[in-house]
Amino acid sequence: MGRVPSIEIVRRAYKIWEESGKPEGKDQEFYHRAERELEDELAQREATRSDKA
């Protein structure tokens, strides 16, 4: 499985933070949530690709 670039995780975390009303003190929570989401999406894309091969 590939690795999600950290800049993509930061961008997703920022989007989640904005959508959540920009609460203070939740940066780690949003970063880890973004990381999980992106890793799950990557795994799904890779699984779909291997199914088609």
PDB file of N, CA and C in Angstrom:
ATOM      1  N   MET A   1       0.848  -1.181   0.000  1.00  0.00           N
ATOM      2  CA  MET A   1       0.000   0.000   0.000  1.00  0.00           C
ATOM      3  C   MET A   1       0.886   1.235   0.000  1.00  0.00           C
ATOM      4  N   GLY A   2       0.473   2.256  -0.732  1.00  0.00           N
ATOM      5  CA  GLY A   2       1.203   3.509  -0.798  1.00  0.00           C
ATOM      6  C   GLY A   2       1.025   4.331   0.457  1.00  0.00           C
ATOM      7  N   ARG A   3       1.771   5.386   0.525  1.00  0.00           N
ATOM      8  CA  ARG A   3       1.722   6.272   1.688  1.00  0.00           C
ATOM      9  C   ARG A   3       1.090   7.591   1.268  1.00  0.00           C
ATOM     10  N   VAL A   4       0.218   8.125   2.103  1.00  0.00           N
ATOM     11  CA  VAL A   4      -0.429   9.404   1.836  1.00  0.00           C
ATOM     12  C   VAL A   4       0.556  10.525   2.172  1.00  0.00           C
ATOM     13  N   PRO A   5       0.799  11.444   1.238  1.00  0.00           N
ATOM     14  CA  PRO A   5       1.702  12.566   1.530  1.00  0.00           C
ATOM     15  C   PRO A   5       1.173  13.412   2.683  1.00  0.00           C
ATOM     16  N   SER A   6       2.071  13.849   3.555  1.00  0.00           N
ATOM     17  CA  SER A   6       1.649  14.597   4.737  1.00  0.00           C
ATOM     18  C   SER A   6       0.942  15.901   4.382  1.00  0.00           C
ATOM     19  N   ILE A   7       1.311  16.525   3.264  1.00  0.00           N
ATOM     20  CA  ILE A   7       0.626  17.768   2.876  1.00  0.00           C
ATOM     21  C   ILE A   7      -0.851  17.503   2.589  1.00  0.00           C
ATOM     22  N   GLU A   8      -1.164  16.335   2.037  1.00  0.00           N
ATOM     23  CA  GLU A   8      -2.560  15.991   1.781  1.00  0.00           C
ATOM     24  C   GLU A   8      -3.326  15.791   3.085  1.00  0.00           C
ATOM     25  N   ILE A   9      -2.655  15.217   4.068  1.00  0.00           N
ATOM     26  CA  ILE A   9      -3.286  15.027   5.377  1.00  0.00           C
ATOM     27  C   ILE A   9      -3.574  16.385   6.009  1.00  0.00           C
ATOM     28  N   VAL A  10      -2.616  17.287   5.933  1.00  0.00           N
ATOM     29  CA  VAL A  10      -2.787  18.631   6.504  1.00  0.00           C
ATOM     30  C   VAL A  10      -3.939  19.357   5.817  1.00  0.00           C
ATOM     31  N   ARG A  11      -3.997  19.254   4.505  1.00  0.00           N
ATOM     32  CA  ARG A  11      -5.093  19.919   3.769  1.00  0.00           C
ATOM     33  C   ARG A  11      -6.452  19.369   4.180  1.00  0.00           C
ATOM     34  N   ARG A  12      -6.547  18.047   4.302  1.00  0.00           N
ATOM     35  CA  ARG A  12      -7.818  17.431   4.713  1.00  0.00           C
ATOM     36  C   ARG A  12      -8.161  17.827   6.138  1.00  0.00           C
ATOM     37  N   ALA A  13      -7.166  17.831   7.026  1.00  0.00           N
ATOM     38  CA  ALA A  13      -7.401  18.205   8.419  1.00  0.00           C
ATOM     39  C   ALA A  13      -7.901  19.641   8.516  1.00  0.00           C
ATOM     40  N   TYR A  14      -7.333  20.512   7.713  1.00  0.00           N
ATOM     41  CA  TYR A  14      -7.763  21.924   7.713  1.00  0.00           C
ATOM     42  C   TYR A  14      -9.209  22.033   7.254  1.00  0.00           C
ATOM     43  N   LYS A  15      -9.562  21.279   6.229  1.00  0.00           N
ATOM     44  CA  LYS A  15     -10.939  21.285   5.734  1.00  0.00           C
ATOM     45  C   LYS A  15     -11.903  20.793   6.815  1.00  0.00           C
ATOM     46  N   ILE A  16     -11.539  19.711   7.495  1.00  0.00           N
ATOM     47  CA  ILE A  16     -12.378  19.180   8.569  1.00  0.00           C
ATOM     48  C   ILE A  16     -12.516  20.219   9.681  1.00  0.00           C
ATOM     49  N   TRP A  17     -11.412  20.869  10.030  1.00  0.00           N
ATOM     50  CA  TRP A  17     -11.409  21.896  11.071  1.00  0.00           C
ATOM     51  C   TRP A  17     -12.355  23.035  10.698  1.00  0.00           C
ATOM     52  N   GLU A  18     -12.261  23.497   9.449  1.00  0.00           N
ATOM     53  CA  GLU A  18     -13.152  24.576   8.997  1.00  0.00           C
ATOM     54  C   GLU A  18     -14.609  24.148   9.050  1.00  0.00           C
ATOM     55  N   GLU A  19     -14.887  22.945   8.552  1.00  0.00           N
ATOM     56  CA  GLU A  19     -16.264  22.449   8.529  1.00  0.00           C
ATOM     57  C   GLU A  19     -16.830  22.233   9.931  1.00  0.00           C
ATOM     58  N   SER A  20     -15.943  22.055  10.908  1.00  0.00           N
ATOM     59  CA  SER A  20     -16.366  21.835  12.289  1.00  0.00           C
ATOM     60  C   SER A  20     -16.505  23.131  13.076  1.00  0.00           C
ATOM     61  N   GLY A  21     -16.328  24.259  12.403  1.00  0.00           N
ATOM     62  CA  GLY A  21     -16.491  25.548  13.075  1.00  0.00           C
ATOM     63  C   GLY A  21     -15.214  26.106  13.677  1.00  0.00           C
ATOM     64  N   LYS A  22     -14.072  25.577  13.269  1.00  0.00           N
ATOM     65  CA  LYS A  22     -12.751  26.046  13.696  1.00  0.00           C
ATOM     66  C   LYS A  22     -12.545  26.019  15.217  1.00  0.00           C
ATOM     67  N   PRO A  23     -12.850  24.898  15.855  1.00  0.00           N
ATOM     68  CA  PRO A  23     -12.664  24.821  17.305  1.00  0.00           C
ATOM     69  C   PRO A  23     -11.176  24.788  17.678  1.00  0.00           C
ATOM     70  N   GLU A  24     -10.856  25.362  18.810  1.00  0.00           N
ATOM     71  CA  GLU A  24      -9.471  25.364  19.285  1.00  0.00           C
ATOM     72  C   GLU A  24      -9.153  24.054  19.993  1.00  0.00           C
ATOM     73  N   GLY A  25      -7.881  23.639  19.913  1.00  0.00           N
ATOM     74  CA  GLY A  25      -7.412  22.476  20.658  1.00  0.00           C
ATOM     75  C   GLY A  25      -7.767  21.127  20.074  1.00  0.00           C
ATOM     76  N   LYS A  26      -8.219  21.097  18.827  1.00  0.00           N
ATOM     77  CA  LYS A  26      -8.619  19.828  18.208  1.00  0.00           C
ATOM     78  C   LYS A  26      -7.698  19.449  17.054  1.00  0.00           C
ATOM     79  N   ASP A  27      -6.544  20.094  16.950  1.00  0.00           N
ATOM     80  CA  ASP A  27      -5.678  19.884  15.796  1.00  0.00           C
ATOM     81  C   ASP A  27      -5.236  18.435  15.637  1.00  0.00           C
ATOM     82  N   GLN A  28      -4.826  17.797  16.719  1.00  0.00           N
ATOM     83  CA  GLN A  28      -4.384  16.403  16.637  1.00  0.00           C
ATOM     84  C   GLN A  28      -5.534  15.485  16.240  1.00  0.00           C
ATOM     85  N   GLU A  29      -6.700  15.734  16.782  1.00  0.00           N
ATOM     86  CA  GLU A  29      -7.878  14.929  16.457  1.00  0.00           C
ATOM     87  C   GLU A  29      -8.187  15.012  14.960  1.00  0.00           C
ATOM     88  N   PHE A  30      -8.173  16.226  14.420  1.00  0.00           N
ATOM     89  CA  PHE A  30      -8.481  16.410  13.011  1.00  0.00           C
ATOM     90  C   PHE A  30      -7.387  15.839  12.120  1.00  0.00           C
ATOM     91  N   TYR A  31      -6.138  15.954  12.540  1.00  0.00           N
ATOM     92  CA  TYR A  31      -5.029  15.400  11.764  1.00  0.00           C
ATOM     93  C   TYR A  31      -5.160  13.878  11.663  1.00  0.00           C
ATOM     94  N   HIS A  32      -5.408  13.234  12.786  1.00  0.00           N
ATOM     95  CA  HIS A  32      -5.520  11.776  12.787  1.00  0.00           C
ATOM     96  C   HIS A  32      -6.761  11.305  12.028  1.00  0.00           C
ATOM     97  N   ARG A  33      -7.834  12.050  12.132  1.00  0.00           N
ATOM     98  CA  ARG A  33      -9.042  11.704  11.379  1.00  0.00           C
ATOM     99  C   ARG A  33      -8.772  11.810   9.880  1.00  0.00           C
ATOM    100  N   ALA A  34      -8.117  12.897   9.475  1.00  0.00           N
ATOM    101  CA  ALA A  34      -7.788  13.090   8.068  1.00  0.00           C
ATOM    102  C   ALA A  34      -6.862  11.988   7.569  1.00  0.00           C
ATOM    103  N   GLU A  35      -5.886  11.636   8.386  1.00  0.00           N
ATOM    104  CA  GLU A  35      -4.948  10.575   8.016  1.00  0.00           C
ATOM    105  C   GLU A  35      -5.681   9.251   7.791  1.00  0.00           C
ATOM    106  N   ARG A  36      -6.574   8.907   8.709  1.00  0.00           N
ATOM    107  CA  ARG A  36      -7.349   7.665   8.573  1.00  0.00           C
ATOM    108  C   ARG A  36      -8.218   7.681   7.316  1.00  0.00           C
ATOM    109  N   GLU A  37      -8.910   8.807   7.102  1.00  0.00           N
ATOM    110  CA  GLU A  37      -9.781   8.915   5.933  1.00  0.00           C
ATOM    111  C   GLU A  37      -8.995   8.729   4.637  1.00  0.00           C
ATOM    112  N   LEU A  38      -7.867   9.425   4.534  1.00  0.00           N
ATOM    113  CA  LEU A  38      -7.077   9.358   3.307  1.00  0.00           C
ATOM    114  C   LEU A  38      -6.448   7.979   3.105  1.00  0.00           C
ATOM    115  N   GLU A  39      -5.994   7.360   4.186  1.00  0.00           N
ATOM    116  CA  GLU A  39      -5.435   6.010   4.068  1.00  0.00           C
ATOM    117  C   GLU A  39      -6.506   5.010   3.652  1.00  0.00           C
ATOM    118  N   ASP A  40      -7.711   5.171   4.194  1.00  0.00           N
ATOM    119  CA  ASP A  40      -8.819   4.294   3.799  1.00  0.00           C
ATOM    120  C   ASP A  40      -9.160   4.485   2.321  1.00  0.00           C
ATOM    121  N   GLU A  41      -9.206   5.742   1.868  1.00  0.00           N
ATOM    122  CA  GLU A  41      -9.505   6.020   0.466  1.00  0.00           C
ATOM    123  C   GLU A  41      -8.430   5.432  -0.448  1.00  0.00           C
ATOM    124  N   LEU A  42      -7.177   5.563  -0.059  1.00  0.00           N
ATOM    125  CA  LEU A  42      -6.080   5.013  -0.843  1.00  0.00           C
ATOM    126  C   LEU A  42      -6.181   3.488  -0.918  1.00  0.00           C
ATOM    127  N   ALA A  43      -6.461   2.857   0.198  1.00  0.00           N
ATOM    128  CA  ALA A  43      -6.593   1.397   0.228  1.00  0.00           C
ATOM    129  C   ALA A  43      -7.743   0.937  -0.666  1.00  0.00           C
ATOM    130  N   GLN A  44      -8.842   1.666  -0.653  1.00  0.00           N
ATOM    131  CA  GLN A  44      -9.985   1.308  -1.500  1.00  0.00           C
ATOM    132  C   GLN A  44      -9.635   1.439  -2.973  1.00  0.00           C
ATOM    133  N   ARG A  45      -8.918   2.531  -3.327  1.00  0.00           N
ATOM    134  CA  ARG A  45      -8.511   2.710  -4.724  1.00  0.00           C
ATOM    135  C   ARG A  45      -7.567   1.590  -5.164  1.00  0.00           C
ATOM    136  N   GLU A  46      -6.627   1.238  -4.298  1.00  0.00           N
ATOM    137  CA  GLU A  46      -5.683   0.184  -4.639  1.00  0.00           C
ATOM    138  C   GLU A  46      -6.369  -1.166  -4.755  1.00  0.00           C
ATOM    139  N   ALA A  47      -7.343  -1.427  -3.902  1.00  0.00           N
ATOM    140  CA  ALA A  47      -8.085  -2.683  -3.959  1.00  0.00           C
ATOM    141  C   ALA A  47      -8.907  -2.748  -5.248  1.00  0.00           C
ATOM    142  N   THR A  48      -9.513  -1.638  -5.613  1.00  0.00           N
ATOM    143  CA  THR A  48     -10.308  -1.581  -6.835  1.00  0.00           C
ATOM    144  C   THR A  48      -9.421  -1.817  -8.048  1.00  0.00           C
ATOM    145  N   ARG A  49      -8.242  -1.211  -8.021  1.00  0.00           N
ATOM    146  CA  ARG A  49      -7.299  -1.374  -9.129  1.00  0.00           C
ATOM    147  C   ARG A  49      -6.841  -2.829  -9.249  1.00  0.00           C
ATOM    148  N   SER A  50      -6.564  -3.471  -8.127  1.00  0.00           N
ATOM    149  CA  SER A  50      -6.087  -4.854  -8.179  1.00  0.00           C
ATOM    150  C   SER A  50      -7.220  -5.807  -8.581  1.00  0.00           C
ATOM    151  N   ASP A  51      -8.466  -5.451  -8.268  1.00  0.00           N
ATOM    152  CA  ASP A  51      -9.601  -6.276  -8.681  1.00  0.00           C
ATOM    153  C   ASP A  51      -9.776  -6.243 -10.192  1.00  0.00           C
ATOM    154  N   LYS A  52      -9.463  -5.098 -10.805  1.00  0.00           N
ATOM    155  CA  LYS A  52      -9.627  -4.935 -12.245  1.00  0.00           C
ATOM    156  C   LYS A  52      -8.471  -5.539 -13.029  1.00  0.00           C
ATOM    157  N   ALA A  53      -7.366  -5.788 -12.355  1.00  0.00           N
ATOM    158  CA  ALA A  53      -6.169  -6.311 -13.054  1.00  0.00           C
ATOM    159  C   ALA A  53      -6.286  -7.774 -13.375  1.00  0.00           C
TER     160      ALA A  53
END
